[in-house]
């Protein structure tokens, strides 16, 4: 199955339904930053024998603040409406917030998500 970060990164990179937006996703900020990209980080959540509940910070980076906000709304909607990942049982978008990077001062929004996964 893989870990939830890898599953989401692969799904974002393969998804063509994000309103035609070019999307690059990874678990790290790329050394050469594209104009718009997404990072995925698991920040916690319990796991049992049959399910896992992952708390994730999905950060949407863009050249301008309004672009990051618009892009974050599209990403959040795509997550809520996703039925393409059979391993995912439930997605709850907990928040979408402006979250500029303090080091680079880059524009980004953070989507906090809880995802329940089903294990085989």
N, C-alpha and C. Protein backbone atom coordinates (compact mmCIF):
# COMPACT_ATOMS: atom_id res chain seq x y z
N UNK A 1 0.82 -1.19 0.00
CA UNK A 1 0.00 0.00 0.00
C UNK A 1 0.86 1.25 0.00
N UNK A 2 1.94 1.31 0.77
CA UNK A 2 2.73 2.54 0.87
C UNK A 2 2.20 3.43 1.96
N UNK A 3 2.95 4.45 2.30
CA UNK A 3 2.47 5.37 3.34
C UNK A 3 1.56 6.43 2.72
N UNK A 4 0.77 7.07 3.53
CA UNK A 4 -0.23 8.01 3.04
C UNK A 4 0.41 9.21 2.33
N UNK A 5 1.58 9.65 2.76
CA UNK A 5 2.25 10.75 2.07
C UNK A 5 2.55 10.36 0.62
N UNK A 6 3.14 9.20 0.44
CA UNK A 6 3.49 8.73 -0.90
C UNK A 6 2.25 8.51 -1.75
N UNK A 7 1.20 7.95 -1.16
CA UNK A 7 -0.05 7.72 -1.88
C UNK A 7 -0.61 9.05 -2.40
N UNK A 8 -0.65 10.06 -1.53
CA UNK A 8 -1.19 11.36 -1.96
C UNK A 8 -0.29 12.05 -2.98
N UNK A 9 1.01 12.01 -2.78
CA UNK A 9 1.93 12.63 -3.74
C UNK A 9 1.75 11.99 -5.12
N UNK A 10 1.70 10.66 -5.17
CA UNK A 10 1.50 9.97 -6.45
C UNK A 10 0.16 10.35 -7.07
N UNK A 11 -0.89 10.44 -6.25
CA UNK A 11 -2.22 10.78 -6.75
C UNK A 11 -2.24 12.22 -7.28
N UNK A 12 -1.67 13.15 -6.53
CA UNK A 12 -1.62 14.54 -7.01
C UNK A 12 -0.87 14.64 -8.33
N UNK A 13 0.25 13.95 -8.44
CA UNK A 13 1.06 14.02 -9.65
C UNK A 13 0.38 13.37 -10.85
N UNK A 14 -0.51 12.41 -10.61
CA UNK A 14 -1.21 11.73 -11.70
C UNK A 14 -2.58 12.33 -12.00
N UNK A 15 -3.13 13.12 -11.07
CA UNK A 15 -4.50 13.65 -11.22
C UNK A 15 -4.56 14.74 -12.27
N UNK A 16 -5.48 14.59 -13.18
CA UNK A 16 -5.66 15.62 -14.21
C UNK A 16 -6.98 16.37 -14.02
N UNK A 17 -7.63 16.20 -12.89
CA UNK A 17 -8.93 16.81 -12.66
C UNK A 17 -8.87 18.13 -11.90
N UNK A 18 -7.70 18.60 -11.60
CA UNK A 18 -7.58 19.82 -10.80
C UNK A 18 -7.72 21.05 -11.69
N UNK A 19 -8.83 21.10 -12.42
CA UNK A 19 -9.19 22.24 -13.27
C UNK A 19 -8.06 22.62 -14.23
N UNK A 20 -7.36 21.62 -14.74
CA UNK A 20 -6.30 21.86 -15.70
C UNK A 20 -5.06 22.53 -15.15
N UNK A 21 -4.94 22.60 -13.84
CA UNK A 21 -3.77 23.24 -13.23
C UNK A 21 -2.56 22.32 -13.31
N UNK A 22 -1.43 22.88 -13.68
CA UNK A 22 -0.18 22.14 -13.62
C UNK A 22 0.15 21.91 -12.15
N UNK A 23 0.50 20.70 -11.82
CA UNK A 23 0.71 20.37 -10.42
C UNK A 23 1.95 19.51 -10.26
N UNK A 24 2.81 19.90 -9.36
CA UNK A 24 3.94 19.07 -8.97
C UNK A 24 3.82 18.89 -7.46
N UNK A 25 3.84 17.65 -7.02
CA UNK A 25 3.72 17.37 -5.59
C UNK A 25 4.89 16.53 -5.13
N UNK A 26 5.28 16.75 -3.88
CA UNK A 26 6.35 15.95 -3.27
C UNK A 26 6.25 16.08 -1.75
N UNK A 27 7.12 15.36 -1.07
CA UNK A 27 7.16 15.48 0.39
C UNK A 27 8.18 16.53 0.83
N UNK A 28 8.93 17.07 -0.10
CA UNK A 28 9.95 18.08 0.18
C UNK A 28 9.76 19.28 -0.74
N UNK A 29 10.19 20.44 -0.30
CA UNK A 29 10.21 21.61 -1.18
C UNK A 29 11.30 21.38 -2.22
N UNK A 30 10.96 21.44 -3.51
CA UNK A 30 11.97 21.20 -4.54
C UNK A 30 13.08 22.25 -4.50
N UNK A 31 14.31 21.81 -4.81
CA UNK A 31 15.43 22.76 -4.85
C UNK A 31 15.18 23.85 -5.88
N UNK A 32 14.71 23.45 -7.06
CA UNK A 32 14.31 24.42 -8.08
C UNK A 32 12.79 24.52 -8.02
N UNK A 33 12.31 25.58 -7.40
CA UNK A 33 10.87 25.70 -7.15
C UNK A 33 10.11 26.08 -8.42
N UNK A 34 9.10 25.27 -8.77
CA UNK A 34 8.21 25.68 -9.86
C UNK A 34 7.32 26.83 -9.38
N UNK A 35 6.60 27.45 -10.29
CA UNK A 35 5.71 28.56 -9.91
C UNK A 35 4.63 28.12 -8.93
N UNK A 36 4.22 26.86 -9.05
CA UNK A 36 3.13 26.35 -8.22
C UNK A 36 3.43 24.89 -7.90
N UNK A 37 3.36 24.52 -6.60
CA UNK A 37 3.60 23.13 -6.23
C UNK A 37 2.93 22.83 -4.89
N UNK A 38 2.90 21.56 -4.54
CA UNK A 38 2.26 21.08 -3.31
C UNK A 38 3.25 20.21 -2.55
N UNK A 39 3.28 20.37 -1.23
CA UNK A 39 4.02 19.45 -0.38
C UNK A 39 3.05 18.75 0.56
N UNK A 40 3.35 17.51 0.88
CA UNK A 40 2.49 16.68 1.73
C UNK A 40 3.32 16.21 2.92
N UNK A 41 2.79 16.41 4.13
CA UNK A 41 3.50 16.00 5.34
C UNK A 41 2.51 15.41 6.34
N UNK A 42 2.78 14.19 6.76
CA UNK A 42 1.96 13.60 7.82
C UNK A 42 2.44 14.17 9.14
N UNK A 43 1.51 14.71 9.93
CA UNK A 43 1.87 15.33 11.19
C UNK A 43 1.41 14.53 12.40
N UNK A 44 0.68 13.42 12.17
CA UNK A 44 0.25 12.59 13.28
C UNK A 44 -0.93 11.72 12.91
N UNK A 45 -1.51 11.12 13.93
CA UNK A 45 -2.69 10.29 13.76
C UNK A 45 -2.43 8.84 14.15
N UNK A 46 -3.44 8.21 14.78
CA UNK A 46 -3.28 6.84 15.26
C UNK A 46 -3.53 5.81 14.16
N UNK A 47 -3.00 4.61 14.36
CA UNK A 47 -3.28 3.48 13.48
C UNK A 47 -3.68 2.29 14.32
N UNK A 48 -4.63 1.51 13.79
CA UNK A 48 -5.01 0.25 14.43
C UNK A 48 -4.67 -0.88 13.47
N UNK A 49 -5.14 -2.05 13.77
CA UNK A 49 -4.83 -3.20 12.92
C UNK A 49 -5.45 -3.09 11.53
N UNK A 50 -6.62 -2.46 11.42
CA UNK A 50 -7.35 -2.44 10.15
C UNK A 50 -7.49 -1.07 9.51
N UNK A 51 -7.30 0.00 10.29
CA UNK A 51 -7.45 1.35 9.75
C UNK A 51 -6.37 2.26 10.30
N UNK A 52 -6.19 3.36 9.62
CA UNK A 52 -5.30 4.41 10.09
C UNK A 52 -6.01 5.74 9.95
N UNK A 53 -5.72 6.64 10.84
CA UNK A 53 -6.28 7.99 10.77
C UNK A 53 -5.10 8.96 10.75
N UNK A 54 -4.83 9.51 9.57
CA UNK A 54 -3.65 10.36 9.40
C UNK A 54 -4.04 11.82 9.41
N UNK A 55 -3.33 12.61 10.18
CA UNK A 55 -3.45 14.06 10.14
C UNK A 55 -2.34 14.56 9.23
N UNK A 56 -2.72 15.34 8.21
CA UNK A 56 -1.76 15.79 7.21
C UNK A 56 -1.79 17.29 7.03
N UNK A 57 -0.62 17.84 6.77
CA UNK A 57 -0.49 19.24 6.36
C UNK A 57 -0.14 19.22 4.88
N UNK A 58 -1.06 19.70 4.07
CA UNK A 58 -0.84 19.79 2.63
C UNK A 58 -0.64 21.27 2.33
N UNK A 59 0.56 21.58 1.90
CA UNK A 59 0.90 22.99 1.69
C UNK A 59 0.94 23.29 0.20
N UNK A 60 0.23 24.34 -0.16
CA UNK A 60 0.08 24.76 -1.55
C UNK A 60 0.86 26.05 -1.74
N UNK A 61 1.87 25.99 -2.58
CA UNK A 61 2.79 27.09 -2.80
C UNK A 61 2.51 27.72 -4.16
N UNK A 62 2.59 29.04 -4.24
CA UNK A 62 2.41 29.73 -5.52
C UNK A 62 3.16 31.06 -5.49
N UNK A 63 3.27 31.65 -6.65
CA UNK A 63 4.02 32.90 -6.79
C UNK A 63 3.34 34.06 -6.04
N UNK A 64 1.99 34.10 -6.08
CA UNK A 64 1.24 35.17 -5.43
C UNK A 64 0.26 34.59 -4.42
N UNK A 65 -0.05 35.37 -3.39
CA UNK A 65 -0.93 34.89 -2.32
C UNK A 65 -2.29 34.48 -2.85
N UNK A 66 -2.90 35.29 -3.72
CA UNK A 66 -4.23 34.94 -4.22
C UNK A 66 -4.20 33.66 -5.05
N UNK A 67 -3.09 33.42 -5.76
CA UNK A 67 -2.96 32.16 -6.51
C UNK A 67 -2.88 30.97 -5.56
N UNK A 68 -2.11 31.12 -4.50
CA UNK A 68 -1.99 30.04 -3.51
C UNK A 68 -3.35 29.75 -2.88
N UNK A 69 -4.11 30.78 -2.56
CA UNK A 69 -5.43 30.59 -1.98
C UNK A 69 -6.40 29.92 -2.93
N UNK A 70 -6.41 30.37 -4.19
CA UNK A 70 -7.29 29.76 -5.20
C UNK A 70 -6.90 28.31 -5.44
N UNK A 71 -5.62 28.07 -5.55
CA UNK A 71 -5.11 26.73 -5.78
C UNK A 71 -5.44 25.81 -4.60
N UNK A 72 -5.31 26.33 -3.38
CA UNK A 72 -5.63 25.55 -2.17
C UNK A 72 -7.10 25.14 -2.17
N UNK A 73 -7.97 26.04 -2.60
CA UNK A 73 -9.40 25.72 -2.66
C UNK A 73 -9.66 24.57 -3.64
N UNK A 74 -8.98 24.59 -4.77
CA UNK A 74 -9.13 23.52 -5.76
C UNK A 74 -8.60 22.20 -5.21
N UNK A 75 -7.46 22.24 -4.56
CA UNK A 75 -6.87 21.03 -3.98
C UNK A 75 -7.77 20.47 -2.88
N UNK A 76 -8.27 21.33 -2.00
CA UNK A 76 -9.16 20.88 -0.92
C UNK A 76 -10.42 20.24 -1.48
N UNK A 77 -11.02 20.86 -2.48
CA UNK A 77 -12.24 20.31 -3.11
C UNK A 77 -11.93 18.96 -3.75
N UNK A 78 -10.81 18.86 -4.42
CA UNK A 78 -10.41 17.60 -5.06
C UNK A 78 -10.25 16.49 -4.03
N UNK A 79 -9.65 16.82 -2.89
CA UNK A 79 -9.50 15.84 -1.81
C UNK A 79 -10.86 15.38 -1.28
N UNK A 80 -11.74 16.35 -1.02
CA UNK A 80 -13.07 16.01 -0.48
C UNK A 80 -13.87 15.13 -1.44
N UNK A 81 -13.73 15.37 -2.73
CA UNK A 81 -14.55 14.67 -3.72
C UNK A 81 -13.88 13.42 -4.29
N UNK A 82 -12.67 13.12 -3.85
CA UNK A 82 -11.92 12.01 -4.44
C UNK A 82 -12.57 10.67 -4.14
N UNK A 83 -12.76 9.90 -5.21
CA UNK A 83 -13.20 8.51 -5.08
C UNK A 83 -12.22 7.59 -5.81
N UNK A 84 -11.12 8.15 -6.29
CA UNK A 84 -10.17 7.40 -7.10
C UNK A 84 -9.20 6.56 -6.28
N UNK A 85 -9.16 6.75 -4.98
CA UNK A 85 -8.22 6.02 -4.15
C UNK A 85 -8.97 5.05 -3.24
N UNK A 86 -9.03 3.77 -3.60
CA UNK A 86 -9.82 2.82 -2.82
C UNK A 86 -9.31 2.62 -1.40
N UNK A 87 -8.06 2.93 -1.14
CA UNK A 87 -7.51 2.76 0.20
C UNK A 87 -8.05 3.83 1.18
N UNK A 88 -8.58 4.91 0.64
CA UNK A 88 -9.08 6.00 1.49
C UNK A 88 -10.56 5.80 1.78
N UNK A 89 -10.87 5.76 3.09
CA UNK A 89 -12.25 5.58 3.52
C UNK A 89 -12.98 6.89 3.76
N UNK A 90 -12.24 7.91 4.21
CA UNK A 90 -12.87 9.20 4.51
C UNK A 90 -11.82 10.29 4.48
N UNK A 91 -12.23 11.46 3.98
CA UNK A 91 -11.38 12.65 3.98
C UNK A 91 -12.15 13.78 4.65
N UNK A 92 -11.56 14.36 5.68
CA UNK A 92 -12.14 15.55 6.33
C UNK A 92 -11.14 16.69 6.20
N UNK A 93 -11.55 17.75 5.49
CA UNK A 93 -10.72 18.95 5.40
C UNK A 93 -11.03 19.77 6.65
N UNK A 94 -10.05 19.90 7.53
CA UNK A 94 -10.25 20.56 8.81
C UNK A 94 -10.05 22.07 8.73
N UNK A 95 -9.13 22.52 7.85
CA UNK A 95 -8.92 23.95 7.69
C UNK A 95 -8.14 24.23 6.41
N UNK A 96 -8.33 25.44 5.92
CA UNK A 96 -7.55 25.98 4.80
C UNK A 96 -7.15 27.38 5.25
N UNK A 97 -5.84 27.62 5.37
CA UNK A 97 -5.39 28.89 5.95
C UNK A 97 -4.16 29.44 5.24
N UNK A 98 -4.09 30.76 5.17
CA UNK A 98 -2.88 31.42 4.69
C UNK A 98 -1.75 31.06 5.64
N UNK A 99 -0.61 30.63 5.11
CA UNK A 99 0.48 30.13 5.94
C UNK A 99 1.82 30.44 5.26
N UNK A 100 2.16 31.74 5.12
CA UNK A 100 3.40 32.09 4.42
C UNK A 100 4.62 31.48 5.10
N UNK A 101 5.58 31.06 4.28
CA UNK A 101 6.79 30.44 4.80
C UNK A 101 7.64 31.50 5.48
N UNK A 102 7.97 31.33 6.77
CA UNK A 102 8.73 32.36 7.49
C UNK A 102 10.18 32.49 7.03
N UNK A 103 10.75 31.43 6.47
CA UNK A 103 12.15 31.49 6.05
C UNK A 103 12.31 32.15 4.68
N UNK A 104 11.55 31.67 3.71
CA UNK A 104 11.70 32.19 2.34
C UNK A 104 10.72 33.32 2.03
N UNK A 105 9.74 33.50 2.89
CA UNK A 105 8.67 34.47 2.70
C UNK A 105 7.82 34.15 1.47
N UNK A 106 7.87 32.89 1.05
CA UNK A 106 7.09 32.44 -0.10
C UNK A 106 5.62 32.36 0.28
N UNK A 107 4.77 32.56 -0.71
CA UNK A 107 3.32 32.47 -0.51
C UNK A 107 2.89 31.02 -0.48
N UNK A 108 2.12 30.66 0.53
CA UNK A 108 1.58 29.31 0.61
C UNK A 108 0.33 29.31 1.49
N UNK A 109 -0.51 28.35 1.22
CA UNK A 109 -1.67 28.06 2.04
C UNK A 109 -1.50 26.65 2.57
N UNK A 110 -2.02 26.42 3.78
CA UNK A 110 -1.95 25.08 4.34
C UNK A 110 -3.35 24.51 4.49
N UNK A 111 -3.51 23.30 4.00
CA UNK A 111 -4.76 22.56 4.15
C UNK A 111 -4.48 21.48 5.19
N UNK A 112 -5.22 21.51 6.28
CA UNK A 112 -5.08 20.48 7.30
C UNK A 112 -6.18 19.46 7.05
N UNK A 113 -5.79 18.21 6.92
CA UNK A 113 -6.70 17.14 6.51
C UNK A 113 -6.55 15.94 7.42
N UNK A 114 -7.67 15.32 7.73
CA UNK A 114 -7.65 14.01 8.38
C UNK A 114 -8.15 12.99 7.35
N UNK A 115 -7.34 11.96 7.13
CA UNK A 115 -7.69 10.92 6.17
C UNK A 115 -7.70 9.58 6.87
N UNK A 116 -8.81 8.87 6.75
CA UNK A 116 -8.91 7.53 7.29
C UNK A 116 -8.61 6.55 6.16
N UNK A 117 -7.64 5.67 6.39
CA UNK A 117 -7.27 4.67 5.39
C UNK A 117 -7.67 3.28 5.86
N UNK A 118 -7.95 2.43 4.89
CA UNK A 118 -8.33 1.04 5.17
C UNK A 118 -7.15 0.15 4.78
N UNK A 119 -6.77 -0.76 5.67
CA UNK A 119 -5.69 -1.70 5.39
C UNK A 119 -6.28 -3.01 4.89
N UNK A 120 -5.55 -3.67 3.99
CA UNK A 120 -5.99 -5.01 3.50
C UNK A 120 -5.64 -6.07 4.50
